[in-house]
Structures are given as structure tokens and as C-alpha cells.
Amino acid sequence: MGEEGGFEVIKKAILNLSLRHEEHIGTSYGEGNGRRLTGQHETANIDTFSWVVANRGCSFRVGHNTKRQGKGYLEDGHPVSNMKPYVVTSLHAETTIIREPTLEAKALAAHKLALKV
């Protein structure tokens, strides 16, 4: 993500994350997220996956500099203090690095996920 062409890698990671949103929310982000992730007060709605450049009110945020430079990082807006950090890190790595979605999953995600770049 931090190398040349990294923004394309970030978009692929976001696609993969969108396909496993419910699984990530249900297994690793700690208790009480339903009360916190309401879609208000710079939080994402727990039931909806979203991403955008420079907006803290979404599931994953990409900074202005990352977009401008075409490389960088993304931020996960879900975790709370009681999350399981090793579980979250492991699930993120498996989802964004190892997993290759099927063509059907890509088509489904492209249809239902409005990518705001």
C-alpha cells in the first residue's frame, strides 16, 4: 500500500473488506459496538460498509495524502477499546492480503457498494 501503485492495492483491500463486513463486525470488534456505531458523531453505521477519502464517518477512511500520492494507508473506524487486537489484525491480514474474492463476489460488491473516490 505504501509503494507506487498502492492506491490500487488499497481499493482491492477495501473490496475484500466490504465482502466480509458482517463477519468482521461479528467476530472481532468487541462488545457494545451496536451502541457506538450509529452513523452519527463521526462513526459508521454498524450495518453498512462504506469508505471514502477524508471522512471519519465511514467504515474505512483513506486520507487526502494517500489519494493524492497514489499510495499510503487506510484507517479502520470500527475498533473499540475492548476489541481483540490479535483477532482483528489476523482477520484484516487474511482478508486484505491472502484472500482472493471470486468473480461473483466482485460483481456483487461492485453492484451494492458505492465506491466514493
PDB file of N, CA and C in Angstrom:
ATOM      1  N   MET A   1       0.817  -1.204   0.000  1.00  0.00           N
ATOM      2  CA  MET A   1       0.000   0.000   0.000  1.00  0.00           C
ATOM      3  C   MET A   1       0.853   1.256   0.000  1.00  0.00           C
ATOM      4  N   GLY A   2       2.044   1.164   0.550  1.00  0.00           N
ATOM      5  CA  GLY A   2       2.917   2.320   0.633  1.00  0.00           C
ATOM      6  C   GLY A   2       3.850   2.480  -0.543  1.00  0.00           C
ATOM      7  N   GLU A   3       3.786   1.575  -1.493  1.00  0.00           N
ATOM      8  CA  GLU A   3       4.639   1.640  -2.678  1.00  0.00           C
ATOM      9  C   GLU A   3       3.879   2.274  -3.842  1.00  0.00           C
ATOM     10  N   GLU A   4       4.589   2.577  -4.927  1.00  0.00           N
ATOM     11  CA  GLU A   4       3.942   3.097  -6.128  1.00  0.00           C
ATOM     12  C   GLU A   4       2.814   2.156  -6.547  1.00  0.00           C
ATOM     13  N   GLY A   5       1.688   2.714  -6.924  1.00  0.00           N
ATOM     14  CA  GLY A   5       0.521   1.913  -7.288  1.00  0.00           C
ATOM     15  C   GLY A   5      -0.256   1.409  -6.090  1.00  0.00           C
ATOM     16  N   GLY A   6       0.103   1.871  -4.914  1.00  0.00           N
ATOM     17  CA  GLY A   6      -0.519   1.391  -3.688  1.00  0.00           C
ATOM     18  C   GLY A   6      -1.996   1.693  -3.569  1.00  0.00           C
ATOM     19  N   PHE A   7      -2.468   2.758  -4.230  1.00  0.00           N
ATOM     20  CA  PHE A   7      -3.885   3.087  -4.121  1.00  0.00           C
ATOM     21  C   PHE A   7      -4.746   1.984  -4.734  1.00  0.00           C
ATOM     22  N   GLU A   8      -4.249   1.333  -5.781  1.00  0.00           N
ATOM     23  CA  GLU A   8      -4.978   0.201  -6.366  1.00  0.00           C
ATOM     24  C   GLU A   8      -5.017  -0.973  -5.395  1.00  0.00           C
ATOM     25  N   VAL A   9      -3.935  -1.172  -4.655  1.00  0.00           N
ATOM     26  CA  VAL A   9      -3.903  -2.224  -3.634  1.00  0.00           C
ATOM     27  C   VAL A   9      -4.901  -1.900  -2.520  1.00  0.00           C
ATOM     28  N   ILE A  10      -4.976  -0.635  -2.143  1.00  0.00           N
ATOM     29  CA  ILE A  10      -5.929  -0.200  -1.121  1.00  0.00           C
ATOM     30  C   ILE A  10      -7.351  -0.458  -1.588  1.00  0.00           C
ATOM     31  N   LYS A  11      -7.657  -0.143  -2.834  1.00  0.00           N
ATOM     32  CA  LYS A  11      -9.015  -0.366  -3.352  1.00  0.00           C
ATOM     33  C   LYS A  11      -9.361  -1.862  -3.366  1.00  0.00           C
ATOM     34  N   LYS A  12      -8.384  -2.713  -3.679  1.00  0.00           N
ATOM     35  CA  LYS A  12      -8.618  -4.158  -3.647  1.00  0.00           C
ATOM     36  C   LYS A  12      -8.874  -4.601  -2.205  1.00  0.00           C
ATOM     37  N   ALA A  13      -8.091  -4.079  -1.276  1.00  0.00           N
ATOM     38  CA  ALA A  13      -8.297  -4.419   0.141  1.00  0.00           C
ATOM     39  C   ALA A  13      -9.688  -3.989   0.595  1.00  0.00           C
ATOM     40  N   ILE A  14     -10.115  -2.808   0.173  1.00  0.00           N
ATOM     41  CA  ILE A  14     -11.441  -2.317   0.539  1.00  0.00           C
ATOM     42  C   ILE A  14     -12.534  -3.206  -0.045  1.00  0.00           C
ATOM     43  N   LEU A  15     -12.366  -3.643  -1.274  1.00  0.00           N
ATOM     44  CA  LEU A  15     -13.325  -4.569  -1.876  1.00  0.00           C
ATOM     45  C   LEU A  15     -13.418  -5.834  -1.028  1.00  0.00           C
ATOM     46  N   ASN A  16     -12.271  -6.404  -0.678  1.00  0.00           N
ATOM     47  CA  ASN A  16     -12.271  -7.619   0.141  1.00  0.00           C
ATOM     48  C   ASN A  16     -12.921  -7.380   1.500  1.00  0.00           C
ATOM     49  N   LEU A  17     -12.609  -6.244   2.115  1.00  0.00           N
ATOM     50  CA  LEU A  17     -13.208  -5.922   3.410  1.00  0.00           C
ATOM     51  C   LEU A  17     -14.725  -5.772   3.300  1.00  0.00           C
ATOM     52  N   SER A  18     -15.189  -5.181   2.211  1.00  0.00           N
ATOM     53  CA  SER A  18     -16.634  -4.999   2.031  1.00  0.00           C
ATOM     54  C   SER A  18     -17.352  -6.340   1.929  1.00  0.00           C
ATOM     55  N   LEU A  19     -16.693  -7.332   1.350  1.00  0.00           N
ATOM     56  CA  LEU A  19     -17.301  -8.649   1.173  1.00  0.00           C
ATOM     57  C   LEU A  19     -17.416  -9.412   2.494  1.00  0.00           C
ATOM     58  N   ARG A  20     -16.630  -9.028   3.486  1.00  0.00           N
ATOM     59  CA  ARG A  20     -16.624  -9.752   4.763  1.00  0.00           C
ATOM     60  C   ARG A  20     -17.023  -8.840   5.926  1.00  0.00           C
ATOM     61  N   HIS A  21     -17.716  -7.748   5.622  1.00  0.00           N
ATOM     62  CA  HIS A  21     -18.075  -6.765   6.649  1.00  0.00           C
ATOM     63  C   HIS A  21     -18.791  -7.397   7.839  1.00  0.00           C
ATOM     64  N   GLU A  22     -19.835  -8.147   7.583  1.00  0.00           N
ATOM     65  CA  GLU A  22     -20.617  -8.729   8.681  1.00  0.00           C
ATOM     66  C   GLU A  22     -19.778  -9.674   9.523  1.00  0.00           C
ATOM     67  N   GLU A  23     -18.939 -10.454   8.870  1.00  0.00           N
ATOM     68  CA  GLU A  23     -18.069 -11.384   9.601  1.00  0.00           C
ATOM     69  C   GLU A  23     -17.088 -10.622  10.498  1.00  0.00           C
ATOM     70  N   HIS A  24     -16.495  -9.560   9.984  1.00  0.00           N
ATOM     71  CA  HIS A  24     -15.559  -8.760  10.781  1.00  0.00           C
ATOM     72  C   HIS A  24     -16.274  -8.138  11.985  1.00  0.00           C
ATOM     73  N   ILE A  25     -17.418  -7.532  11.753  1.00  0.00           N
ATOM     74  CA  ILE A  25     -18.165  -6.901  12.843  1.00  0.00           C
ATOM     75  C   ILE A  25     -18.555  -7.935  13.890  1.00  0.00           C
ATOM     76  N   GLY A  26     -18.993  -9.098  13.459  1.00  0.00           N
ATOM     77  CA  GLY A  26     -19.495 -10.104  14.381  1.00  0.00           C
ATOM     78  C   GLY A  26     -18.444 -10.844  15.180  1.00  0.00           C
ATOM     79  N   THR A  27     -17.207 -10.867  14.705  1.00  0.00           N
ATOM     80  CA  THR A  27     -16.220 -11.707  15.376  1.00  0.00           C
ATOM     81  C   THR A  27     -15.135 -10.965  16.131  1.00  0.00           C
ATOM     82  N   SER A  28     -14.885  -9.708  15.827  1.00  0.00           N
ATOM     83  CA  SER A  28     -13.639  -9.185  16.350  1.00  0.00           C
ATOM     84  C   SER A  28     -13.645  -7.777  16.917  1.00  0.00           C
ATOM     85  N   TYR A  29     -14.707  -7.054  16.826  1.00  0.00           N
ATOM     86  CA  TYR A  29     -14.632  -5.640  17.186  1.00  0.00           C
ATOM     87  C   TYR A  29     -15.077  -5.303  18.602  1.00  0.00           C
ATOM     88  N   GLY A  30     -15.319  -6.287  19.431  1.00  0.00           N
ATOM     89  CA  GLY A  30     -15.640  -6.001  20.826  1.00  0.00           C
ATOM     90  C   GLY A  30     -17.127  -5.803  21.060  1.00  0.00           C
ATOM     91  N   GLU A  31     -17.477  -5.811  22.314  1.00  0.00           N
ATOM     92  CA  GLU A  31     -18.876  -5.654  22.712  1.00  0.00           C
ATOM     93  C   GLU A  31     -19.271  -4.184  22.726  1.00  0.00           C
ATOM     94  N   GLY A  32     -20.549  -3.943  22.496  1.00  0.00           N
ATOM     95  CA  GLY A  32     -21.065  -2.585  22.592  1.00  0.00           C
ATOM     96  C   GLY A  32     -20.965  -1.765  21.326  1.00  0.00           C
ATOM     97  N   ASN A  33     -20.490  -2.356  20.250  1.00  0.00           N
ATOM     98  CA  ASN A  33     -20.347  -1.586  19.018  1.00  0.00           C
ATOM     99  C   ASN A  33     -21.687  -1.147  18.445  1.00  0.00           C
ATOM    100  N   GLY A  34     -22.733  -1.911  18.682  1.00  0.00           N
ATOM    101  CA  GLY A  34     -24.054  -1.525  18.197  1.00  0.00           C
ATOM    102  C   GLY A  34     -24.514  -0.196  18.766  1.00  0.00           C
ATOM    103  N   ARG A  35     -24.114   0.083  20.005  1.00  0.00           N
ATOM    104  CA  ARG A  35     -24.472   1.359  20.630  1.00  0.00           C
ATOM    105  C   ARG A  35     -23.580   2.496  20.136  1.00  0.00           C
ATOM    106  N   ARG A  36     -22.354   2.175  19.759  1.00  0.00           N
ATOM    107  CA  ARG A  36     -21.393   3.202  19.352  1.00  0.00           C
ATOM    108  C   ARG A  36     -21.463   3.508  17.857  1.00  0.00           C
ATOM    109  N   LEU A  37     -21.579   2.487  17.038  1.00  0.00           N
ATOM    110  CA  LEU A  37     -21.573   2.676  15.583  1.00  0.00           C
ATOM    111  C   LEU A  37     -22.987   2.940  15.082  1.00  0.00           C
ATOM    112  N   THR A  38     -23.403   4.162  15.223  1.00  0.00           N
ATOM    113  CA  THR A  38     -24.773   4.558  14.881  1.00  0.00           C
ATOM    114  C   THR A  38     -24.859   5.299  13.554  1.00  0.00           C
ATOM    115  N   GLY A  39     -23.726   5.714  13.015  1.00  0.00           N
ATOM    116  CA  GLY A  39     -23.735   6.554  11.827  1.00  0.00           C
ATOM    117  C   GLY A  39     -23.753   8.031  12.165  1.00  0.00           C
ATOM    118  N   GLN A  40     -23.725   8.345  13.453  1.00  0.00           N
ATOM    119  CA  GLN A  40     -23.693   9.734  13.904  1.00  0.00           C
ATOM    120  C   GLN A  40     -22.370   9.993  14.620  1.00  0.00           C
ATOM    121  N   HIS A  41     -22.062  11.239  14.827  1.00  0.00           N
ATOM    122  CA  HIS A  41     -20.883  11.630  15.615  1.00  0.00           C
ATOM    123  C   HIS A  41     -19.588  11.015  15.077  1.00  0.00           C
ATOM    124  N   GLU A  42     -19.373  11.134  13.782  1.00  0.00           N
ATOM    125  CA  GLU A  42     -18.177  10.629  13.112  1.00  0.00           C
ATOM    126  C   GLU A  42     -17.984   9.131  13.286  1.00  0.00           C
ATOM    127  N   THR A  43     -19.072   8.375  13.242  1.00  0.00           N
ATOM    128  CA  THR A  43     -18.979   6.916  13.251  1.00  0.00           C
ATOM    129  C   THR A  43     -19.734   6.367  12.051  1.00  0.00           C
ATOM    130  N   ALA A  44     -19.326   5.179  11.628  1.00  0.00           N
ATOM    131  CA  ALA A  44     -20.043   4.480  10.563  1.00  0.00           C
ATOM    132  C   ALA A  44     -21.239   3.761  11.165  1.00  0.00           C
ATOM    133  N   ASN A  45     -22.222   3.462  10.339  1.00  0.00           N
ATOM    134  CA  ASN A  45     -23.342   2.634  10.776  1.00  0.00           C
ATOM    135  C   ASN A  45     -22.866   1.188  10.785  1.00  0.00           C
ATOM    136  N   ILE A  46     -23.151   0.481  11.848  1.00  0.00           N
ATOM    137  CA  ILE A  46     -22.664  -0.889  12.019  1.00  0.00           C
ATOM    138  C   ILE A  46     -23.177  -1.830  10.927  1.00  0.00           C
ATOM    139  N   ASP A  47     -24.325  -1.539  10.349  1.00  0.00           N
ATOM    140  CA  ASP A  47     -24.936  -2.426   9.358  1.00  0.00           C
ATOM    141  C   ASP A  47     -24.508  -2.148   7.921  1.00  0.00           C
ATOM    142  N   THR A  48     -23.761  -1.075   7.695  1.00  0.00           N
ATOM    143  CA  THR A  48     -23.431  -0.662   6.339  1.00  0.00           C
ATOM    144  C   THR A  48     -21.934  -0.501   6.182  1.00  0.00           C
ATOM    145  N   PHE A  49     -21.366  -1.097   5.158  1.00  0.00           N
ATOM    146  CA  PHE A  49     -19.950  -0.893   4.863  1.00  0.00           C
ATOM    147  C   PHE A  49     -19.818   0.345   3.988  1.00  0.00           C
ATOM    148  N   SER A  50     -18.851   1.184   4.293  1.00  0.00           N
ATOM    149  CA  SER A  50     -18.618   2.376   3.477  1.00  0.00           C
ATOM    150  C   SER A  50     -17.146   2.752   3.542  1.00  0.00           C
ATOM    151  N   TRP A  51     -16.706   3.457   2.532  1.00  0.00           N
ATOM    152  CA  TRP A  51     -15.362   4.022   2.558  1.00  0.00           C
ATOM    153  C   TRP A  51     -15.371   5.294   1.733  1.00  0.00           C
ATOM    154  N   VAL A  52     -14.472   6.176   2.041  1.00  0.00           N
ATOM    155  CA  VAL A  52     -14.385   7.435   1.332  1.00  0.00           C
ATOM    156  C   VAL A  52     -13.044   8.079   1.671  1.00  0.00           C
ATOM    157  N   VAL A  53     -12.656   9.025   0.866  1.00  0.00           N
ATOM    158  CA  VAL A  53     -11.443   9.787   1.143  1.00  0.00           C
ATOM    159  C   VAL A  53     -11.782  10.904   2.129  1.00  0.00           C
ATOM    160  N   ALA A  54     -11.041  10.968   3.212  1.00  0.00           N
ATOM    161  CA  ALA A  54     -11.099  12.060   4.196  1.00  0.00           C
ATOM    162  C   ALA A  54     -12.465  12.259   4.830  1.00  0.00           C
ATOM    163  N   ASN A  55     -13.041  11.189   5.350  1.00  0.00           N
ATOM    164  CA  ASN A  55     -14.307  11.291   6.071  1.00  0.00           C
ATOM    165  C   ASN A  55     -14.286  10.274   7.191  1.00  0.00           C
ATOM    166  N   ARG A  56     -14.372  10.736   8.416  1.00  0.00           N
ATOM    167  CA  ARG A  56     -14.316   9.824   9.562  1.00  0.00           C
ATOM    168  C   ARG A  56     -15.646   9.124   9.820  1.00  0.00           C
ATOM    169  N   GLY A  57     -16.682   9.488   9.104  1.00  0.00           N
ATOM    170  CA  GLY A  57     -17.988   8.883   9.308  1.00  0.00           C
ATOM    171  C   GLY A  57     -18.230   7.665   8.442  1.00  0.00           C
ATOM    172  N   CYS A  58     -17.189   6.910   8.143  1.00  0.00           N
ATOM    173  CA  CYS A  58     -17.350   5.726   7.309  1.00  0.00           C
ATOM    174  C   CYS A  58     -16.594   4.556   7.934  1.00  0.00           C
ATOM    175  N   SER A  59     -16.779   3.379   7.385  1.00  0.00           N
ATOM    176  CA  SER A  59     -16.124   2.183   7.908  1.00  0.00           C
ATOM    177  C   SER A  59     -14.612   2.268   7.770  1.00  0.00           C
ATOM    178  N   PHE A  60     -14.149   2.630   6.587  1.00  0.00           N
ATOM    179  CA  PHE A  60     -12.720   2.769   6.324  1.00  0.00           C
ATOM    180  C   PHE A  60     -12.460   4.118   5.673  1.00  0.00           C
ATOM    181  N   ARG A  61     -11.457   4.807   6.165  1.00  0.00           N
ATOM    182  CA  ARG A  61     -11.109   6.130   5.672  1.00  0.00           C
ATOM    183  C   ARG A  61      -9.747   6.084   5.006  1.00  0.00           C
ATOM    184  N   VAL A  62      -9.658   6.760   3.879  1.00  0.00           N
ATOM    185  CA  VAL A  62      -8.398   6.941   3.175  1.00  0.00           C
ATOM    186  C   VAL A  62      -8.083   8.427   3.236  1.00  0.00           C
ATOM    187  N   GLY A  63      -6.881   8.765   3.637  1.00  0.00           N
ATOM    188  CA  GLY A  63      -6.507  10.166   3.779  1.00  0.00           C
ATOM    189  C   GLY A  63      -6.300  10.883   2.463  1.00  0.00           C
ATOM    190  N   HIS A  64      -6.378  12.221   2.511  1.00  0.00           N
ATOM    191  CA  HIS A  64      -6.126  13.038   1.323  1.00  0.00           C
ATOM    192  C   HIS A  64      -4.760  12.748   0.717  1.00  0.00           C
ATOM    193  N   ASN A  65      -3.738  12.669   1.550  1.00  0.00           N
ATOM    194  CA  ASN A  65      -2.386  12.433   1.036  1.00  0.00           C
ATOM    195  C   ASN A  65      -2.264  11.078   0.360  1.00  0.00           C
ATOM    196  N   THR A  66      -2.933  10.077   0.885  1.00  0.00           N
ATOM    197  CA  THR A  66      -2.906   8.756   0.254  1.00  0.00           C
ATOM    198  C   THR A  66      -3.498   8.831  -1.150  1.00  0.00           C
ATOM    199  N   LYS A  67      -4.631   9.476  -1.278  1.00  0.00           N
ATOM    200  CA  LYS A  67      -5.265   9.645  -2.595  1.00  0.00           C
ATOM    201  C   LYS A  67      -4.370  10.466  -3.525  1.00  0.00           C
ATOM    202  N   ARG A  68      -3.858  11.568  -3.015  1.00  0.00           N
ATOM    203  CA  ARG A  68      -3.037  12.476  -3.821  1.00  0.00           C
ATOM    204  C   ARG A  68      -1.752  11.797  -4.298  1.00  0.00           C
ATOM    205  N   GLN A  69      -1.096  11.067  -3.408  1.00  0.00           N
ATOM    206  CA  GLN A  69       0.179  10.435  -3.738  1.00  0.00           C
ATOM    207  C   GLN A  69       0.015   9.086  -4.432  1.00  0.00           C
ATOM    208  N   GLY A  70      -1.209   8.543  -4.386  1.00  0.00           N
ATOM    209  CA  GLY A  70      -1.454   7.251  -5.021  1.00  0.00           C
ATOM    210  C   GLY A  70      -0.909   6.087  -4.220  1.00  0.00           C
ATOM    211  N   LYS A  71      -0.601   6.313  -2.956  1.00  0.00           N
ATOM    212  CA  LYS A  71      -0.086   5.267  -2.074  1.00  0.00           C
ATOM    213  C   LYS A  71      -0.219   5.748  -0.640  1.00  0.00           C
ATOM    214  N   GLY A  72      -0.184   4.822   0.303  1.00  0.00           N
ATOM    215  CA  GLY A  72      -0.311   5.216   1.698  1.00  0.00           C
ATOM    216  C   GLY A  72      -1.005   4.149   2.518  1.00  0.00           C
ATOM    217  N   TYR A  73      -2.056   4.551   3.227  1.00  0.00           N
ATOM    218  CA  TYR A  73      -2.711   3.624   4.142  1.00  0.00           C
ATOM    219  C   TYR A  73      -4.198   3.926   4.237  1.00  0.00           C
ATOM    220  N   LEU A  74      -4.919   3.025   4.886  1.00  0.00           N
ATOM    221  CA  LEU A  74      -6.320   3.235   5.181  1.00  0.00           C
ATOM    222  C   LEU A  74      -6.527   3.028   6.672  1.00  0.00           C
ATOM    223  N   GLU A  75      -7.585   3.609   7.220  1.00  0.00           N
ATOM    224  CA  GLU A  75      -7.886   3.518   8.647  1.00  0.00           C
ATOM    225  C   GLU A  75      -9.222   2.820   8.848  1.00  0.00           C
ATOM    226  N   ASP A  76      -9.254   1.914   9.804  1.00  0.00           N
ATOM    227  CA  ASP A  76     -10.476   1.215  10.168  1.00  0.00           C
ATOM    228  C   ASP A  76     -11.179   2.009  11.259  1.00  0.00           C
ATOM    229  N   GLY A  77     -12.429   2.367  11.046  1.00  0.00           N
ATOM    230  CA  GLY A  77     -13.177   3.159  12.012  1.00  0.00           C
ATOM    231  C   GLY A  77     -14.011   2.358  12.988  1.00  0.00           C
ATOM    232  N   HIS A  78     -13.863   1.034  13.008  1.00  0.00           N
ATOM    233  CA  HIS A  78     -14.709   0.196  13.849  1.00  0.00           C
ATOM    234  C   HIS A  78     -14.195  -0.093  15.257  1.00  0.00           C
ATOM    235  N   PRO A  79     -12.912  -0.373  15.457  1.00  0.00           N
ATOM    236  CA  PRO A  79     -12.467  -0.922  16.741  1.00  0.00           C
ATOM    237  C   PRO A  79     -12.769  -0.050  17.955  1.00  0.00           C
ATOM    238  N   VAL A  80     -13.015  -0.717  19.051  1.00  0.00           N
ATOM    239  CA  VAL A  80     -13.224  -0.066  20.344  1.00  0.00           C
ATOM    240  C   VAL A  80     -12.137  -0.572  21.291  1.00  0.00           C
ATOM    241  N   SER A  81     -12.089  -0.032  22.476  1.00  0.00           N
ATOM    242  CA  SER A  81     -11.022  -0.386  23.408  1.00  0.00           C
ATOM    243  C   SER A  81     -11.066  -1.840  23.854  1.00  0.00           C
ATOM    244  N   ASN A  82     -12.225  -2.484  23.773  1.00  0.00           N
ATOM    245  CA  ASN A  82     -12.301  -3.877  24.210  1.00  0.00           C
ATOM    246  C   ASN A  82     -12.226  -4.863  23.045  1.00  0.00           C
ATOM    247  N   MET A  83     -11.755  -4.397  21.899  1.00  0.00           N
ATOM    248  CA  MET A  83     -11.596  -5.305  20.762  1.00  0.00           C
ATOM    249  C   MET A  83     -10.496  -6.315  21.070  1.00  0.00           C
ATOM    250  N   LYS A  84     -10.444  -7.333  20.258  1.00  0.00           N
ATOM    251  CA  LYS A  84      -9.409  -8.354  20.378  1.00  0.00           C
ATOM    252  C   LYS A  84      -8.353  -8.034  19.316  1.00  0.00           C
ATOM    253  N   PRO A  85      -7.272  -7.332  19.682  1.00  0.00           N
ATOM    254  CA  PRO A  85      -6.348  -6.816  18.669  1.00  0.00           C
ATOM    255  C   PRO A  85      -5.713  -7.888  17.794  1.00  0.00           C
ATOM    256  N   TYR A  86      -5.381  -9.037  18.343  1.00  0.00           N
ATOM    257  CA  TYR A  86      -4.766 -10.077  17.530  1.00  0.00           C
ATOM    258  C   TYR A  86      -5.772 -10.691  16.570  1.00  0.00           C
ATOM    259  N   VAL A  87      -7.015 -10.806  17.003  1.00  0.00           N
ATOM    260  CA  VAL A  87      -8.061 -11.331  16.134  1.00  0.00           C
ATOM    261  C   VAL A  87      -8.335 -10.347  14.994  1.00  0.00           C
ATOM    262  N   VAL A  88      -8.447  -9.051  15.327  1.00  0.00           N
ATOM    263  CA  VAL A  88      -8.696  -8.029  14.298  1.00  0.00           C
ATOM    264  C   VAL A  88      -7.547  -7.988  13.295  1.00  0.00           C
ATOM    265  N   THR A  89      -6.326  -7.967  13.785  1.00  0.00           N
ATOM    266  CA  THR A  89      -5.158  -7.908  12.902  1.00  0.00           C
ATOM    267  C   THR A  89      -5.090  -9.141  12.013  1.00  0.00           C
ATOM    268  N   SER A  90      -5.319 -10.313  12.589  1.00  0.00           N
ATOM    269  CA  SER A  90      -5.290 -11.555  11.823  1.00  0.00           C
ATOM    270  C   SER A  90      -6.376 -11.567  10.748  1.00  0.00           C
ATOM    271  N   LEU A  91      -7.579 -11.159  11.116  1.00  0.00           N
ATOM    272  CA  LEU A  91      -8.686 -11.140  10.161  1.00  0.00           C
ATOM    273  C   LEU A  91      -8.446 -10.123   9.050  1.00  0.00           C
ATOM    274  N   HIS A  92      -7.904  -8.955   9.417  1.00  0.00           N
ATOM    275  CA  HIS A  92      -7.569  -7.962   8.391  1.00  0.00           C
ATOM    276  C   HIS A  92      -6.506  -8.493   7.433  1.00  0.00           C
ATOM    277  N   ALA A  93      -5.466  -9.110   7.963  1.00  0.00           N
ATOM    278  CA  ALA A  93      -4.396  -9.649   7.110  1.00  0.00           C
ATOM    279  C   ALA A  93      -4.945 -10.725   6.181  1.00  0.00           C
ATOM    280  N   GLU A  94      -5.725 -11.626   6.730  1.00  0.00           N
ATOM    281  CA  GLU A  94      -6.285 -12.694   5.902  1.00  0.00           C
ATOM    282  C   GLU A  94      -7.207 -12.128   4.823  1.00  0.00           C
ATOM    283  N   THR A  95      -7.998 -11.131   5.170  1.00  0.00           N
ATOM    284  CA  THR A  95      -8.958 -10.550   4.233  1.00  0.00           C
ATOM    285  C   THR A  95      -8.283  -9.702   3.167  1.00  0.00           C
ATOM    286  N   THR A  96      -7.290  -8.913   3.540  1.00  0.00           N
ATOM    287  CA  THR A  96      -6.718  -7.949   2.598  1.00  0.00           C
ATOM    288  C   THR A  96      -5.490  -8.452   1.859  1.00  0.00           C
ATOM    289  N   ILE A  97      -4.778  -9.420   2.409  1.00  0.00           N
ATOM    290  CA  ILE A  97      -3.544  -9.887   1.779  1.00  0.00           C
ATOM    291  C   ILE A  97      -3.718 -11.250   1.130  1.00  0.00           C
ATOM    292  N   ILE A  98      -4.336 -12.169   1.841  1.00  0.00           N
ATOM    293  CA  ILE A  98      -4.378 -13.563   1.410  1.00  0.00           C
ATOM    294  C   ILE A  98      -5.576 -13.876   0.531  1.00  0.00           C
ATOM    295  N   ARG A  99      -6.723 -13.342   0.877  1.00  0.00           N
ATOM    296  CA  ARG A  99      -7.986 -13.722   0.233  1.00  0.00           C
ATOM    297  C   ARG A  99      -8.107 -13.149  -1.178  1.00  0.00           C
ATOM    298  N   GLU A 100      -8.519 -13.979  -2.090  1.00  0.00           N
ATOM    299  CA  GLU A 100      -8.849 -13.560  -3.450  1.00  0.00           C
ATOM    300  C   GLU A 100     -10.336 -13.805  -3.653  1.00  0.00           C
ATOM    301  N   PRO A 101     -11.136 -12.757  -3.784  1.00  0.00           N
ATOM    302  CA  PRO A 101     -12.574 -12.971  -3.951  1.00  0.00           C
ATOM    303  C   PRO A 101     -12.902 -13.594  -5.305  1.00  0.00           C
ATOM    304  N   THR A 102     -14.007 -14.323  -5.349  1.00  0.00           N
ATOM    305  CA  THR A 102     -14.457 -14.912  -6.601  1.00  0.00           C
ATOM    306  C   THR A 102     -14.997 -13.814  -7.514  1.00  0.00           C
ATOM    307  N   LEU A 103     -15.148 -14.110  -8.763  1.00  0.00           N
ATOM    308  CA  LEU A 103     -15.724 -13.147  -9.712  1.00  0.00           C
ATOM    309  C   LEU A 103     -17.144 -12.784  -9.315  1.00  0.00           C
ATOM    310  N   GLU A 104     -17.899 -13.763  -8.805  1.00  0.00           N
ATOM    311  CA  GLU A 104     -19.262 -13.494  -8.376  1.00  0.00           C
ATOM    312  C   GLU A 104     -19.277 -12.518  -7.207  1.00  0.00           C
ATOM    313  N   ALA A 105     -18.365 -12.706  -6.279  1.00  0.00           N
ATOM    314  CA  ALA A 105     -18.287 -11.804  -5.125  1.00  0.00           C
ATOM    315  C   ALA A 105     -17.889 -10.405  -5.557  1.00  0.00           C
ATOM    316  N   LYS A 106     -16.985 -10.307  -6.510  1.00  0.00           N
ATOM    317  CA  LYS A 106     -16.586  -8.992  -7.020  1.00  0.00           C
ATOM    318  C   LYS A 106     -17.762  -8.290  -7.677  1.00  0.00           C
ATOM    319  N   ALA A 107     -18.527  -9.030  -8.472  1.00  0.00           N
ATOM    320  CA  ALA A 107     -19.685  -8.445  -9.148  1.00  0.00           C
ATOM    321  C   ALA A 107     -20.727  -7.988  -8.133  1.00  0.00           C
ATOM    322  N   LEU A 108     -20.977  -8.793  -7.114  1.00  0.00           N
ATOM    323  CA  LEU A 108     -21.936  -8.443  -6.081  1.00  0.00           C
ATOM    324  C   LEU A 108     -21.486  -7.178  -5.343  1.00  0.00           C
ATOM    325  N   ALA A 109     -20.224  -7.141  -4.970  1.00  0.00           N
ATOM    326  CA  ALA A 109     -19.700  -5.985  -4.255  1.00  0.00           C
ATOM    327  C   ALA A 109     -19.762  -4.730  -5.121  1.00  0.00           C
ATOM    328  N   ALA A 110     -19.414  -4.853  -6.377  1.00  0.00           N
ATOM    329  CA  ALA A 110     -19.444  -3.698  -7.272  1.00  0.00           C
ATOM    330  C   ALA A 110     -20.867  -3.180  -7.437  1.00  0.00           C
ATOM    331  N   HIS A 111     -21.820  -4.091  -7.414  1.00  0.00           N
ATOM    332  CA  HIS A 111     -23.217  -3.700  -7.578  1.00  0.00           C
ATOM    333  C   HIS A 111     -23.768  -2.995  -6.338  1.00  0.00           C
ATOM    334  N   LYS A 112     -23.433  -3.520  -5.135  1.00  0.00           N
ATOM    335  CA  LYS A 112     -24.046  -2.986  -3.934  1.00  0.00           C
ATOM    336  C   LYS A 112     -23.186  -1.982  -3.175  1.00  0.00           C
ATOM    337  N   LEU A 113     -21.929  -1.819  -3.564  1.00  0.00           N
ATOM    338  CA  LEU A 113     -21.040  -0.925  -2.847  1.00  0.00           C
ATOM    339  C   LEU A 113     -20.750   0.303  -3.712  1.00  0.00           C
ATOM    340  N   ALA A 114     -21.152   1.442  -3.259  1.00  0.00           N
ATOM    341  CA  ALA A 114     -20.865   2.679  -3.989  1.00  0.00           C
ATOM    342  C   ALA A 114     -19.493   3.169  -3.550  1.00  0.00           C
ATOM    343  N   LEU A 115     -18.511   3.036  -4.423  1.00  0.00           N
ATOM    344  CA  LEU A 115     -17.159   3.458  -4.086  1.00  0.00           C
ATOM    345  C   LEU A 115     -17.031   4.958  -4.338  1.00  0.00           C
ATOM    346  N   LYS A 116     -16.730   5.688  -3.295  1.00  0.00           N
ATOM    347  CA  LYS A 116     -16.613   7.149  -3.383  1.00  0.00           C
ATOM    348  C   LYS A 116     -15.131   7.512  -3.352  1.00  0.00           C
ATOM    349  N   VAL A 117     -14.595   7.805  -4.498  1.00  0.00           N
ATOM    350  CA  VAL A 117     -13.169   8.130  -4.594  1.00  0.00           C
ATOM    351  C   VAL A 117     -13.005   9.584  -4.942  1.00  0.00           C
TER     352      VAL A 117
END
